[in-house]
Amino acid sequence: MIVQGYGFGVMEWLTQPFAYAFQVRALVAGSMAAIALAVIGTWVVIRGMTFLGDALIHGVIPGIALAVLFDFSPLLGAAAAAAVMILGINLVHRQTAFSEDTGIGLLFVGMLGLGVILISRSASYTGSLTTILFGDALGVTRGDIVTLAVVAVVTLAVSVVLYRPLLVLAFNEQKADLLGLHPRLAHVAMLGLVTLGI
């Protein structure tokens, strides 16, 4: 009897979070994000660009801050800021003697600082800085879930279509070029997937 009572308590404890729609939406959204980011993360780790994901996550803060301040879609603001980050990283890497990691580091710190300044200098913003910096998993809507599902499908499709170029590029950019696999296109596609995932 004690064991049955204990078992019922454990089962109730395990299923209790699924009694609320907002928690189910958070779980589904997290699962969709995990699918997309697991695929993207594999290519990023193989390329040795693990710092890129962290930099992009923090680099989109100015775009989100501007979106909140001027009342337009935070997703649009984040996408614009991520595009600026990607273009900036490529520009620093291609036009200077700095490595790609240096470009990532410079833009990471610069964009994060700009985002915090934008938020702190605005007299009109009364929301929580924590919400902008870390998000709100329990505030996920059905539209967010659909968006994440589309991102997961696009990520999987692009990874399947560009599997060979991404694989060769991960190990040797010159060899990918010699094989006619368009390494720059594969690199841009990978950065685009990272941006989409973030």
N, C-alpha and C. Protein backbone atom coordinates (compact mmCIF):
# COMPACT_ATOMS: atom_id res chain seq x y z
N MET A 1 0.82 -1.20 0.00
CA MET A 1 0.00 0.00 0.00
C MET A 1 0.86 1.25 0.00
N ILE A 2 1.92 1.24 0.78
CA ILE A 2 2.80 2.41 0.85
C ILE A 2 3.47 2.63 -0.51
N VAL A 3 3.90 1.50 -1.13
CA VAL A 3 4.57 1.60 -2.43
C VAL A 3 3.60 2.15 -3.48
N GLN A 4 2.35 1.66 -3.46
CA GLN A 4 1.37 2.15 -4.43
C GLN A 4 1.12 3.64 -4.23
N GLY A 5 0.97 4.05 -3.01
CA GLY A 5 0.76 5.47 -2.72
C GLY A 5 1.93 6.31 -3.19
N TYR A 6 3.14 5.78 -2.94
CA TYR A 6 4.34 6.49 -3.37
C TYR A 6 4.40 6.57 -4.89
N GLY A 7 4.07 5.44 -5.55
CA GLY A 7 4.08 5.41 -7.01
C GLY A 7 3.09 6.39 -7.60
N PHE A 8 1.91 6.47 -7.02
CA PHE A 8 0.90 7.40 -7.50
C PHE A 8 1.39 8.84 -7.34
N GLY A 9 2.05 9.12 -6.22
CA GLY A 9 2.58 10.46 -5.99
C GLY A 9 3.64 10.83 -7.01
N VAL A 10 4.50 9.88 -7.35
CA VAL A 10 5.55 10.14 -8.34
C VAL A 10 4.94 10.37 -9.71
N MET A 11 3.98 9.52 -10.09
CA MET A 11 3.34 9.69 -11.40
C MET A 11 2.61 11.02 -11.50
N GLU A 12 1.95 11.38 -10.43
CA GLU A 12 1.25 12.66 -10.41
C GLU A 12 2.25 13.81 -10.53
N TRP A 13 3.36 13.67 -9.85
CA TRP A 13 4.41 14.69 -9.89
C TRP A 13 5.00 14.81 -11.30
N LEU A 14 5.16 13.67 -11.99
CA LEU A 14 5.72 13.67 -13.35
C LEU A 14 4.75 14.24 -14.38
N THR A 15 3.45 13.98 -14.20
CA THR A 15 2.47 14.42 -15.19
C THR A 15 1.87 15.79 -14.88
N GLN A 16 2.07 16.28 -13.70
CA GLN A 16 1.49 17.57 -13.30
C GLN A 16 1.86 18.73 -14.24
N PRO A 17 3.11 18.85 -14.69
CA PRO A 17 3.44 19.96 -15.58
C PRO A 17 2.65 19.97 -16.88
N PHE A 18 2.20 18.79 -17.33
CA PHE A 18 1.47 18.71 -18.59
C PHE A 18 0.00 19.07 -18.44
N ALA A 19 -0.41 19.41 -17.26
CA ALA A 19 -1.80 19.82 -17.02
C ALA A 19 -2.05 21.25 -17.47
N TYR A 20 -0.99 22.00 -17.68
CA TYR A 20 -1.11 23.41 -18.05
C TYR A 20 -0.65 23.62 -19.49
N ALA A 21 -1.47 24.31 -20.27
CA ALA A 21 -1.18 24.50 -21.70
C ALA A 21 0.12 25.26 -21.91
N PHE A 22 0.41 26.26 -21.08
CA PHE A 22 1.62 27.06 -21.30
C PHE A 22 2.88 26.22 -21.09
N GLN A 23 2.82 25.23 -20.20
CA GLN A 23 3.98 24.37 -19.99
C GLN A 23 4.15 23.38 -21.14
N VAL A 24 3.04 22.91 -21.68
CA VAL A 24 3.11 22.01 -22.84
C VAL A 24 3.70 22.76 -24.03
N ARG A 25 3.24 24.01 -24.24
CA ARG A 25 3.79 24.81 -25.34
C ARG A 25 5.29 25.04 -25.15
N ALA A 26 5.72 25.29 -23.93
CA ALA A 26 7.15 25.50 -23.66
C ALA A 26 7.94 24.24 -23.97
N LEU A 27 7.40 23.07 -23.63
CA LEU A 27 8.07 21.80 -23.90
C LEU A 27 8.17 21.53 -25.39
N VAL A 28 7.07 21.75 -26.12
CA VAL A 28 7.07 21.53 -27.57
C VAL A 28 8.04 22.50 -28.25
N ALA A 29 8.03 23.76 -27.84
CA ALA A 29 8.94 24.76 -28.42
C ALA A 29 10.39 24.38 -28.14
N GLY A 30 10.67 23.95 -26.93
CA GLY A 30 12.03 23.51 -26.59
C GLY A 30 12.46 22.32 -27.42
N SER A 31 11.54 21.40 -27.67
CA SER A 31 11.85 20.22 -28.49
C SER A 31 12.15 20.61 -29.93
N MET A 32 11.34 21.52 -30.49
CA MET A 32 11.57 21.99 -31.86
C MET A 32 12.93 22.69 -31.96
N ALA A 33 13.23 23.53 -30.99
CA ALA A 33 14.52 24.24 -30.98
C ALA A 33 15.67 23.24 -30.85
N ALA A 34 15.49 22.21 -30.02
CA ALA A 34 16.54 21.21 -29.83
C ALA A 34 16.84 20.46 -31.12
N ILE A 35 15.80 20.14 -31.89
CA ILE A 35 16.00 19.44 -33.16
C ILE A 35 16.82 20.30 -34.11
N ALA A 36 16.41 21.55 -34.28
CA ALA A 36 17.11 22.44 -35.20
C ALA A 36 18.54 22.71 -34.74
N LEU A 37 18.71 23.02 -33.48
CA LEU A 37 20.03 23.42 -32.98
C LEU A 37 20.99 22.24 -32.86
N ALA A 38 20.47 21.02 -32.69
CA ALA A 38 21.35 19.85 -32.65
C ALA A 38 22.00 19.64 -34.01
N VAL A 39 21.22 19.81 -35.07
CA VAL A 39 21.76 19.64 -36.43
C VAL A 39 22.77 20.75 -36.74
N ILE A 40 22.38 21.99 -36.47
CA ILE A 40 23.27 23.13 -36.73
C ILE A 40 24.52 23.03 -35.87
N GLY A 41 24.33 22.67 -34.60
CA GLY A 41 25.45 22.59 -33.67
C GLY A 41 26.51 21.60 -34.10
N THR A 42 26.10 20.53 -34.74
CA THR A 42 27.07 19.54 -35.22
C THR A 42 28.04 20.18 -36.21
N TRP A 43 27.51 20.92 -37.18
CA TRP A 43 28.37 21.57 -38.17
C TRP A 43 29.24 22.64 -37.54
N VAL A 44 28.69 23.38 -36.60
CA VAL A 44 29.44 24.44 -35.94
C VAL A 44 30.61 23.86 -35.14
N VAL A 45 30.36 22.77 -34.42
CA VAL A 45 31.42 22.15 -33.62
C VAL A 45 32.50 21.56 -34.53
N ILE A 46 32.10 20.88 -35.59
CA ILE A 46 33.08 20.29 -36.51
C ILE A 46 33.96 21.38 -37.13
N ARG A 47 33.37 22.53 -37.44
CA ARG A 47 34.14 23.65 -38.01
C ARG A 47 35.00 24.37 -36.98
N GLY A 48 34.81 24.07 -35.70
CA GLY A 48 35.58 24.73 -34.66
C GLY A 48 35.11 26.15 -34.40
N MET A 49 33.82 26.40 -34.60
CA MET A 49 33.26 27.74 -34.42
C MET A 49 32.25 27.76 -33.28
N THR A 50 32.55 27.07 -32.20
CA THR A 50 31.59 26.94 -31.11
C THR A 50 31.27 28.27 -30.45
N PHE A 51 32.17 29.22 -30.52
CA PHE A 51 31.94 30.54 -29.93
C PHE A 51 30.87 31.32 -30.70
N LEU A 52 30.64 30.94 -31.95
CA LEU A 52 29.70 31.66 -32.81
C LEU A 52 28.28 31.65 -32.25
N GLY A 53 27.82 30.51 -31.78
CA GLY A 53 26.46 30.43 -31.24
C GLY A 53 26.25 31.35 -30.06
N ASP A 54 27.19 31.33 -29.14
CA ASP A 54 27.10 32.20 -27.96
C ASP A 54 27.14 33.66 -28.37
N ALA A 55 28.02 33.98 -29.31
CA ALA A 55 28.14 35.37 -29.77
C ALA A 55 26.85 35.84 -30.44
N LEU A 56 26.26 34.99 -31.26
CA LEU A 56 25.02 35.38 -31.95
C LEU A 56 23.85 35.54 -30.99
N ILE A 57 23.79 34.67 -30.00
CA ILE A 57 22.70 34.78 -29.03
C ILE A 57 22.75 36.13 -28.34
N HIS A 58 23.94 36.57 -27.96
CA HIS A 58 24.07 37.86 -27.30
C HIS A 58 24.07 39.01 -28.30
N GLY A 59 24.49 38.73 -29.52
CA GLY A 59 24.56 39.77 -30.54
C GLY A 59 23.21 40.23 -31.06
N VAL A 60 22.17 39.44 -30.85
CA VAL A 60 20.84 39.84 -31.33
C VAL A 60 20.13 40.78 -30.35
N ILE A 61 20.72 41.00 -29.19
CA ILE A 61 20.08 41.84 -28.17
C ILE A 61 19.78 43.25 -28.66
N PRO A 62 20.69 43.93 -29.40
CA PRO A 62 20.32 45.27 -29.88
C PRO A 62 19.08 45.25 -30.78
N GLY A 63 18.95 44.24 -31.63
CA GLY A 63 17.78 44.14 -32.49
C GLY A 63 16.51 43.92 -31.70
N ILE A 64 16.58 43.07 -30.69
CA ILE A 64 15.41 42.83 -29.84
C ILE A 64 15.07 44.09 -29.05
N ALA A 65 16.11 44.76 -28.54
CA ALA A 65 15.87 45.99 -27.77
C ALA A 65 15.20 47.05 -28.64
N LEU A 66 15.68 47.23 -29.87
CA LEU A 66 15.05 48.20 -30.78
C LEU A 66 13.62 47.81 -31.10
N ALA A 67 13.39 46.51 -31.29
CA ALA A 67 12.03 46.04 -31.58
C ALA A 67 11.08 46.33 -30.43
N VAL A 68 11.54 46.11 -29.20
CA VAL A 68 10.70 46.38 -28.03
C VAL A 68 10.48 47.88 -27.87
N LEU A 69 11.53 48.66 -28.07
CA LEU A 69 11.43 50.12 -27.89
C LEU A 69 10.53 50.77 -28.94
N PHE A 70 10.62 50.29 -30.19
CA PHE A 70 9.85 50.91 -31.28
C PHE A 70 8.62 50.09 -31.67
N ASP A 71 8.29 49.09 -30.86
CA ASP A 71 7.06 48.32 -31.00
C ASP A 71 6.90 47.64 -32.37
N PHE A 72 7.92 46.87 -32.76
CA PHE A 72 7.76 45.98 -33.91
C PHE A 72 8.23 44.59 -33.50
N SER A 73 8.13 43.64 -34.39
CA SER A 73 8.38 42.24 -34.05
C SER A 73 9.80 42.00 -33.54
N PRO A 74 9.95 41.45 -32.32
CA PRO A 74 11.28 41.12 -31.82
C PRO A 74 12.00 40.11 -32.71
N LEU A 75 11.23 39.23 -33.37
CA LEU A 75 11.83 38.26 -34.27
C LEU A 75 12.51 38.96 -35.44
N LEU A 76 11.86 39.98 -35.97
CA LEU A 76 12.43 40.77 -37.06
C LEU A 76 13.69 41.51 -36.59
N GLY A 77 13.62 42.10 -35.41
CA GLY A 77 14.78 42.80 -34.86
C GLY A 77 15.94 41.86 -34.62
N ALA A 78 15.66 40.68 -34.09
CA ALA A 78 16.71 39.69 -33.84
C ALA A 78 17.33 39.21 -35.15
N ALA A 79 16.50 38.98 -36.16
CA ALA A 79 17.01 38.54 -37.47
C ALA A 79 17.91 39.59 -38.09
N ALA A 80 17.51 40.85 -38.00
CA ALA A 80 18.32 41.94 -38.55
C ALA A 80 19.66 42.05 -37.82
N ALA A 81 19.63 41.96 -36.50
CA ALA A 81 20.87 42.04 -35.72
C ALA A 81 21.78 40.85 -36.01
N ALA A 82 21.19 39.66 -36.17
CA ALA A 82 21.99 38.47 -36.49
C ALA A 82 22.62 38.60 -37.87
N ALA A 83 21.87 39.15 -38.82
CA ALA A 83 22.43 39.37 -40.17
C ALA A 83 23.60 40.35 -40.11
N VAL A 84 23.46 41.41 -39.32
CA VAL A 84 24.56 42.37 -39.15
C VAL A 84 25.78 41.67 -38.55
N MET A 85 25.54 40.81 -37.56
CA MET A 85 26.65 40.06 -36.94
C MET A 85 27.35 39.17 -37.97
N ILE A 86 26.58 38.42 -38.74
CA ILE A 86 27.16 37.50 -39.72
C ILE A 86 27.95 38.27 -40.77
N LEU A 87 27.36 39.35 -41.29
CA LEU A 87 28.07 40.17 -42.28
C LEU A 87 29.33 40.77 -41.69
N GLY A 88 29.24 41.25 -40.45
CA GLY A 88 30.41 41.83 -39.79
C GLY A 88 31.51 40.82 -39.57
N ILE A 89 31.15 39.62 -39.15
CA ILE A 89 32.15 38.56 -38.93
C ILE A 89 32.85 38.21 -40.24
N ASN A 90 32.06 38.05 -41.31
CA ASN A 90 32.66 37.76 -42.61
C ASN A 90 33.54 38.90 -43.10
N LEU A 91 33.10 40.13 -42.90
CA LEU A 91 33.88 41.30 -43.32
C LEU A 91 35.21 41.36 -42.59
N VAL A 92 35.18 41.18 -41.28
CA VAL A 92 36.42 41.21 -40.49
C VAL A 92 37.35 40.08 -40.93
N HIS A 93 36.80 38.90 -41.15
CA HIS A 93 37.61 37.74 -41.54
C HIS A 93 38.21 37.89 -42.94
N ARG A 94 37.43 38.39 -43.89
CA ARG A 94 37.89 38.47 -45.28
C ARG A 94 38.74 39.71 -45.57
N GLN A 95 38.48 40.82 -44.88
CA GLN A 95 39.13 42.09 -45.22
C GLN A 95 40.30 42.45 -44.32
N THR A 96 40.50 41.71 -43.24
CA THR A 96 41.60 42.02 -42.33
C THR A 96 42.44 40.77 -42.09
N ALA A 97 43.51 40.94 -41.33
CA ALA A 97 44.37 39.81 -41.00
C ALA A 97 43.86 39.04 -39.78
N PHE A 98 42.75 39.51 -39.20
CA PHE A 98 42.21 38.86 -38.02
C PHE A 98 41.55 37.53 -38.38
N SER A 99 41.59 36.60 -37.44
CA SER A 99 40.92 35.32 -37.64
C SER A 99 39.41 35.49 -37.46
N GLU A 100 38.68 34.45 -37.84
CA GLU A 100 37.22 34.48 -37.71
C GLU A 100 36.82 34.60 -36.23
N ASP A 101 37.56 33.91 -35.37
CA ASP A 101 37.27 33.99 -33.94
C ASP A 101 37.43 35.40 -33.40
N THR A 102 38.41 36.14 -33.91
CA THR A 102 38.61 37.52 -33.47
C THR A 102 37.42 38.38 -33.88
N GLY A 103 36.96 38.20 -35.11
CA GLY A 103 35.78 38.93 -35.57
C GLY A 103 34.55 38.61 -34.74
N ILE A 104 34.40 37.33 -34.40
CA ILE A 104 33.27 36.91 -33.57
C ILE A 104 33.36 37.59 -32.20
N GLY A 105 34.54 37.59 -31.61
CA GLY A 105 34.73 38.20 -30.29
C GLY A 105 34.46 39.69 -30.29
N LEU A 106 34.97 40.38 -31.31
CA LEU A 106 34.77 41.84 -31.40
C LEU A 106 33.29 42.19 -31.51
N LEU A 107 32.61 41.50 -32.40
CA LEU A 107 31.19 41.81 -32.60
C LEU A 107 30.32 41.34 -31.43
N PHE A 108 30.72 40.26 -30.81
CA PHE A 108 29.99 39.76 -29.64
C PHE A 108 29.95 40.83 -28.55
N VAL A 109 31.12 41.34 -28.18
CA VAL A 109 31.20 42.34 -27.12
C VAL A 109 30.53 43.64 -27.54
N GLY A 110 30.78 44.06 -28.77
CA GLY A 110 30.21 45.32 -29.26
C GLY A 110 28.69 45.31 -29.31
N MET A 111 28.13 44.24 -29.86
CA MET A 111 26.67 44.16 -29.98
C MET A 111 26.00 43.99 -28.61
N LEU A 112 26.60 43.21 -27.73
CA LEU A 112 26.03 43.05 -26.39
C LEU A 112 26.03 44.38 -25.65
N GLY A 113 27.15 45.09 -25.72
CA GLY A 113 27.23 46.41 -25.08
C GLY A 113 26.22 47.38 -25.65
N LEU A 114 26.09 47.39 -26.97
CA LEU A 114 25.12 48.27 -27.62
C LEU A 114 23.69 47.96 -27.16
N GLY A 115 23.38 46.68 -27.06
CA GLY A 115 22.04 46.29 -26.61
C GLY A 115 21.73 46.75 -25.20
N VAL A 116 22.68 46.57 -24.30
CA VAL A 116 22.47 47.00 -22.91
C VAL A 116 22.35 48.52 -22.83
N ILE A 117 23.17 49.24 -23.61
CA ILE A 117 23.08 50.72 -23.63
C ILE A 117 21.72 51.16 -24.15
N LEU A 118 21.26 50.54 -25.23
CA LEU A 118 19.94 50.90 -25.79
C LEU A 118 18.83 50.72 -24.76
N ILE A 119 18.88 49.62 -24.05
CA ILE A 119 17.84 49.35 -23.05
C ILE A 119 17.95 50.31 -21.87
N SER A 120 19.17 50.51 -21.37
CA SER A 120 19.33 51.33 -20.17
C SER A 120 19.09 52.81 -20.43
N ARG A 121 19.32 53.29 -21.66
CA ARG A 121 19.16 54.71 -21.97
C ARG A 121 17.72 55.08 -22.32
N SER A 122 16.88 54.09 -22.50
CA SER A 122 15.51 54.37 -22.92
C SER A 122 14.63 54.66 -21.71
N ALA A 123 14.05 55.83 -21.70
CA ALA A 123 13.13 56.19 -20.62
C ALA A 123 11.77 55.54 -20.82
N SER A 124 11.47 55.14 -22.07
CA SER A 124 10.13 54.61 -22.37
C SER A 124 10.01 53.13 -22.05
N TYR A 125 11.15 52.43 -21.90
CA TYR A 125 11.07 50.98 -21.66
C TYR A 125 10.88 50.70 -20.18
N THR A 126 9.78 50.02 -19.86
CA THR A 126 9.47 49.72 -18.46
C THR A 126 9.47 48.22 -18.18
N GLY A 127 9.79 47.43 -19.19
CA GLY A 127 9.76 45.97 -19.01
C GLY A 127 10.99 45.47 -18.29
N SER A 128 11.12 44.16 -18.29
CA SER A 128 12.22 43.52 -17.58
C SER A 128 13.40 43.28 -18.51
N LEU A 129 14.57 43.73 -18.10
CA LEU A 129 15.79 43.48 -18.86
C LEU A 129 16.06 41.98 -18.93
N THR A 130 15.70 41.26 -17.89
CA THR A 130 15.89 39.82 -17.85
C THR A 130 15.11 39.13 -18.96
N THR A 131 13.91 39.61 -19.26
CA THR A 131 13.10 39.01 -20.32
C THR A 131 13.78 39.17 -21.67
N ILE A 132 14.38 40.33 -21.92
CA ILE A 132 15.09 40.54 -23.19
C ILE A 132 16.35 39.70 -23.24
N LEU A 133 17.10 39.64 -22.15
CA LEU A 133 18.36 38.91 -22.15
C LEU A 133 18.18 37.40 -22.21
N PHE A 134 17.16 36.87 -21.52
CA PHE A 134 17.02 35.43 -21.40
C PHE A 134 15.74 34.87 -22.00
N GLY A 135 14.80 35.72 -22.40
CA GLY A 135 13.56 35.25 -22.97
C GLY A 135 12.57 34.80 -21.91
N ASP A 136 11.47 34.25 -22.37
CA ASP A 136 10.42 33.78 -21.45
C ASP A 136 9.81 32.52 -22.04
N ALA A 137 10.33 31.37 -21.64
CA ALA A 137 9.88 30.09 -22.20
C ALA A 137 8.40 29.83 -21.93
N LEU A 138 7.87 30.36 -20.84
CA LEU A 138 6.47 30.10 -20.51
C LEU A 138 5.53 31.04 -21.26
N GLY A 139 6.07 31.99 -21.99
CA GLY A 139 5.25 32.90 -22.78
C GLY A 139 5.16 32.50 -24.24
N VAL A 140 5.52 31.26 -24.57
CA VAL A 140 5.52 30.77 -25.94
C VAL A 140 4.08 30.65 -26.45
N THR A 141 3.86 31.13 -27.68
CA THR A 141 2.54 31.05 -28.29
C THR A 141 2.51 29.95 -29.35
N ARG A 142 1.32 29.65 -29.85
CA ARG A 142 1.21 28.66 -30.93
C ARG A 142 1.96 29.14 -32.17
N GLY A 143 1.92 30.43 -32.43
CA GLY A 143 2.67 30.98 -33.57
C GLY A 143 4.16 30.75 -33.44
N ASP A 144 4.69 30.87 -32.22
CA ASP A 144 6.11 30.60 -31.98
C ASP A 144 6.44 29.14 -32.27
N ILE A 145 5.54 28.25 -31.89
CA ILE A 145 5.76 26.82 -32.13
C ILE A 145 5.78 26.53 -33.63
N VAL A 146 4.86 27.13 -34.37
CA VAL A 146 4.83 26.95 -35.83
C VAL A 146 6.13 27.47 -36.44
N THR A 147 6.58 28.64 -36.00
CA THR A 147 7.83 29.21 -36.50
C THR A 147 9.00 28.27 -36.21
N LEU A 148 9.07 27.74 -35.00
CA LEU A 148 10.15 26.83 -34.64
C LEU A 148 10.08 25.53 -35.44
N ALA A 149 8.88 25.05 -35.72
CA ALA A 149 8.73 23.84 -36.53
C ALA A 149 9.23 24.08 -37.95
N VAL A 150 8.90 25.24 -38.51
CA VAL A 150 9.39 25.59 -39.86
C VAL A 150 10.91 25.68 -39.86
N VAL A 151 11.48 26.31 -38.84
CA VAL A 151 12.94 26.42 -38.73
C VAL A 151 13.57 25.03 -38.66
N ALA A 152 12.98 24.13 -37.89
CA ALA A 152 13.51 22.77 -37.77
C ALA A 152 13.46 22.05 -39.11
N VAL A 153 12.36 22.17 -39.84
CA VAL A 153 12.22 21.51 -41.15
C VAL A 153 13.22 22.09 -42.15
N VAL A 154 13.33 23.42 -42.20
CA VAL A 154 14.27 24.07 -43.12
C VAL A 154 15.70 23.65 -42.79
N THR A 155 16.03 23.62 -41.51
CA THR A 155 17.38 23.22 -41.09
C THR A 155 17.70 21.80 -41.53
N LEU A 156 16.77 20.89 -41.30
CA LEU A 156 16.98 19.50 -41.70
C LEU A 156 17.11 19.38 -43.22
N ALA A 157 16.25 20.09 -43.95
CA ALA A 157 16.27 20.02 -45.42
C ALA A 157 17.59 20.56 -45.98
N VAL A 158 18.02 21.72 -45.50
CA VAL A 158 19.27 22.32 -45.99
C VAL A 158 20.46 21.43 -45.63
N SER A 159 20.44 20.85 -44.43
CA SER A 159 21.54 19.98 -44.02
C SER A 159 21.61 18.72 -44.88
N VAL A 160 20.47 18.20 -45.30
CA VAL A 160 20.46 17.02 -46.17
C VAL A 160 20.94 17.40 -47.57
N VAL A 161 20.42 18.50 -48.11
CA VAL A 161 20.79 18.93 -49.47
C VAL A 161 22.27 19.30 -49.55
N LEU A 162 22.78 19.99 -48.54
CA LEU A 162 24.17 20.47 -48.56
C LEU A 162 25.09 19.59 -47.71
N TYR A 163 24.71 18.35 -47.49
CA TYR A 163 25.50 17.49 -46.61
C TYR A 163 26.95 17.36 -47.08
N ARG A 164 27.14 17.02 -48.34
CA ARG A 164 28.50 16.81 -48.84
C ARG A 164 29.34 18.08 -48.79
N PRO A 165 28.84 19.23 -49.31
CA PRO A 165 29.64 20.45 -49.20
C PRO A 165 29.96 20.84 -47.75
N LEU A 166 28.98 20.70 -46.86
CA LEU A 166 29.22 21.04 -45.46
C LEU A 166 30.24 20.10 -44.83
N LEU A 167 30.18 18.83 -45.18
CA LEU A 167 31.11 17.85 -44.62
C LEU A 167 32.54 18.13 -45.07
N VAL A 168 32.74 18.34 -46.37
CA VAL A 168 34.09 18.60 -46.88
C VAL A 168 34.59 19.94 -46.35
N LEU A 169 33.72 20.95 -46.33
CA LEU A 169 34.10 22.27 -45.81
C LEU A 169 34.53 22.19 -44.35
N ALA A 170 33.91 21.31 -43.60
CA ALA A 170 34.23 21.18 -42.18
C ALA A 170 35.67 20.75 -41.95
N PHE A 171 36.24 20.05 -42.92
CA PHE A 171 37.60 19.55 -42.74
C PHE A 171 38.63 20.30 -43.57
N ASN A 172 38.26 20.76 -44.77
CA ASN A 172 39.25 21.43 -45.60
C ASN A 172 38.56 22.31 -46.64
N GLU A 173 38.66 23.62 -46.46
CA GLU A 173 37.99 24.56 -47.37
C GLU A 173 38.59 24.51 -48.77
N GLN A 174 39.93 24.37 -48.86
CA GLN A 174 40.59 24.32 -50.17
C GLN A 174 40.17 23.08 -50.95
N LYS A 175 40.06 21.94 -50.26
CA LYS A 175 39.64 20.71 -50.94
C LYS A 175 38.20 20.84 -51.44
N ALA A 176 37.35 21.47 -50.63
CA ALA A 176 35.97 21.68 -51.06
C ALA A 176 35.93 22.52 -52.32
N ASP A 177 36.80 23.52 -52.41
CA ASP A 177 36.87 24.37 -53.59
C ASP A 177 37.36 23.58 -54.80
N LEU A 178 38.39 22.76 -54.61
CA LEU A 178 38.92 21.94 -55.70
C LEU A 178 37.88 20.94 -56.22
N LEU A 179 37.04 20.45 -55.33
CA LEU A 179 36.00 19.49 -55.73
C LEU A 179 34.78 20.17 -56.34
N GLY A 180 34.80 21.50 -56.41
CA GLY A 180 33.69 22.25 -56.99
C GLY A 180 32.45 22.26 -56.12
N LEU A 181 32.65 22.23 -54.81
CA LEU A 181 31.51 22.15 -53.88
C LEU A 181 31.08 23.51 -53.35
N HIS A 182 31.64 24.56 -53.90
CA HIS A 182 31.26 25.94 -53.53
C HIS A 182 31.33 26.15 -52.01
N PRO A 183 32.55 26.15 -51.45
CA PRO A 183 32.67 26.27 -49.99
C PRO A 183 32.12 27.58 -49.42
N ARG A 184 32.23 28.67 -50.19
CA ARG A 184 31.69 29.94 -49.68
C ARG A 184 30.17 29.87 -49.54
N LEU A 185 29.52 29.26 -50.52
CA LEU A 185 28.07 29.10 -50.46
C LEU A 185 27.69 28.21 -49.27
N ALA A 186 28.44 27.12 -49.07
CA ALA A 186 28.17 26.23 -47.94
C ALA A 186 28.40 26.95 -46.62
N HIS A 187 29.45 27.78 -46.56
CA HIS A 187 29.75 28.54 -45.34
C HIS A 187 28.62 29.53 -45.04
N VAL A 188 28.18 30.25 -46.07
CA VAL A 188 27.08 31.21 -45.90
C VAL A 188 25.80 30.47 -45.48
N ALA A 189 25.55 29.30 -46.08
CA ALA A 189 24.37 28.52 -45.72
C ALA A 189 24.44 28.09 -44.25
N MET A 190 25.64 27.67 -43.81
CA MET A 190 25.79 27.26 -42.42
C MET A 190 25.56 28.44 -41.48
N LEU A 191 26.13 29.59 -41.81
CA LEU A 191 25.92 30.78 -40.98
C LEU A 191 24.45 31.19 -40.99
N GLY A 192 23.81 31.04 -42.14
CA GLY A 192 22.37 31.34 -42.23
C GLY A 192 21.55 30.42 -41.35
N LEU A 193 21.92 29.14 -41.32
CA LEU A 193 21.21 28.19 -40.45
C LEU A 193 21.41 28.52 -38.98
N VAL A 194 22.64 28.92 -38.63
CA VAL A 194 22.90 29.32 -37.24
C VAL A 194 22.04 30.53 -36.88
N THR A 195 22.00 31.50 -37.80
CA THR A 195 21.19 32.70 -37.58
C THR A 195 19.72 32.35 -37.44
N LEU A 196 19.24 31.48 -38.31
CA LEU A 196 17.84 31.05 -38.27
C LEU A 196 17.53 30.35 -36.95
N GLY A 197 18.45 29.50 -36.52
CA GLY A 197 18.24 28.77 -35.28
C GLY A 197 18.22 29.66 -34.05
N ILE A 198 19.02 30.69 -34.08
CA ILE A 198 19.08 31.60 -32.92
C ILE A 198 17.89 32.51 -32.94
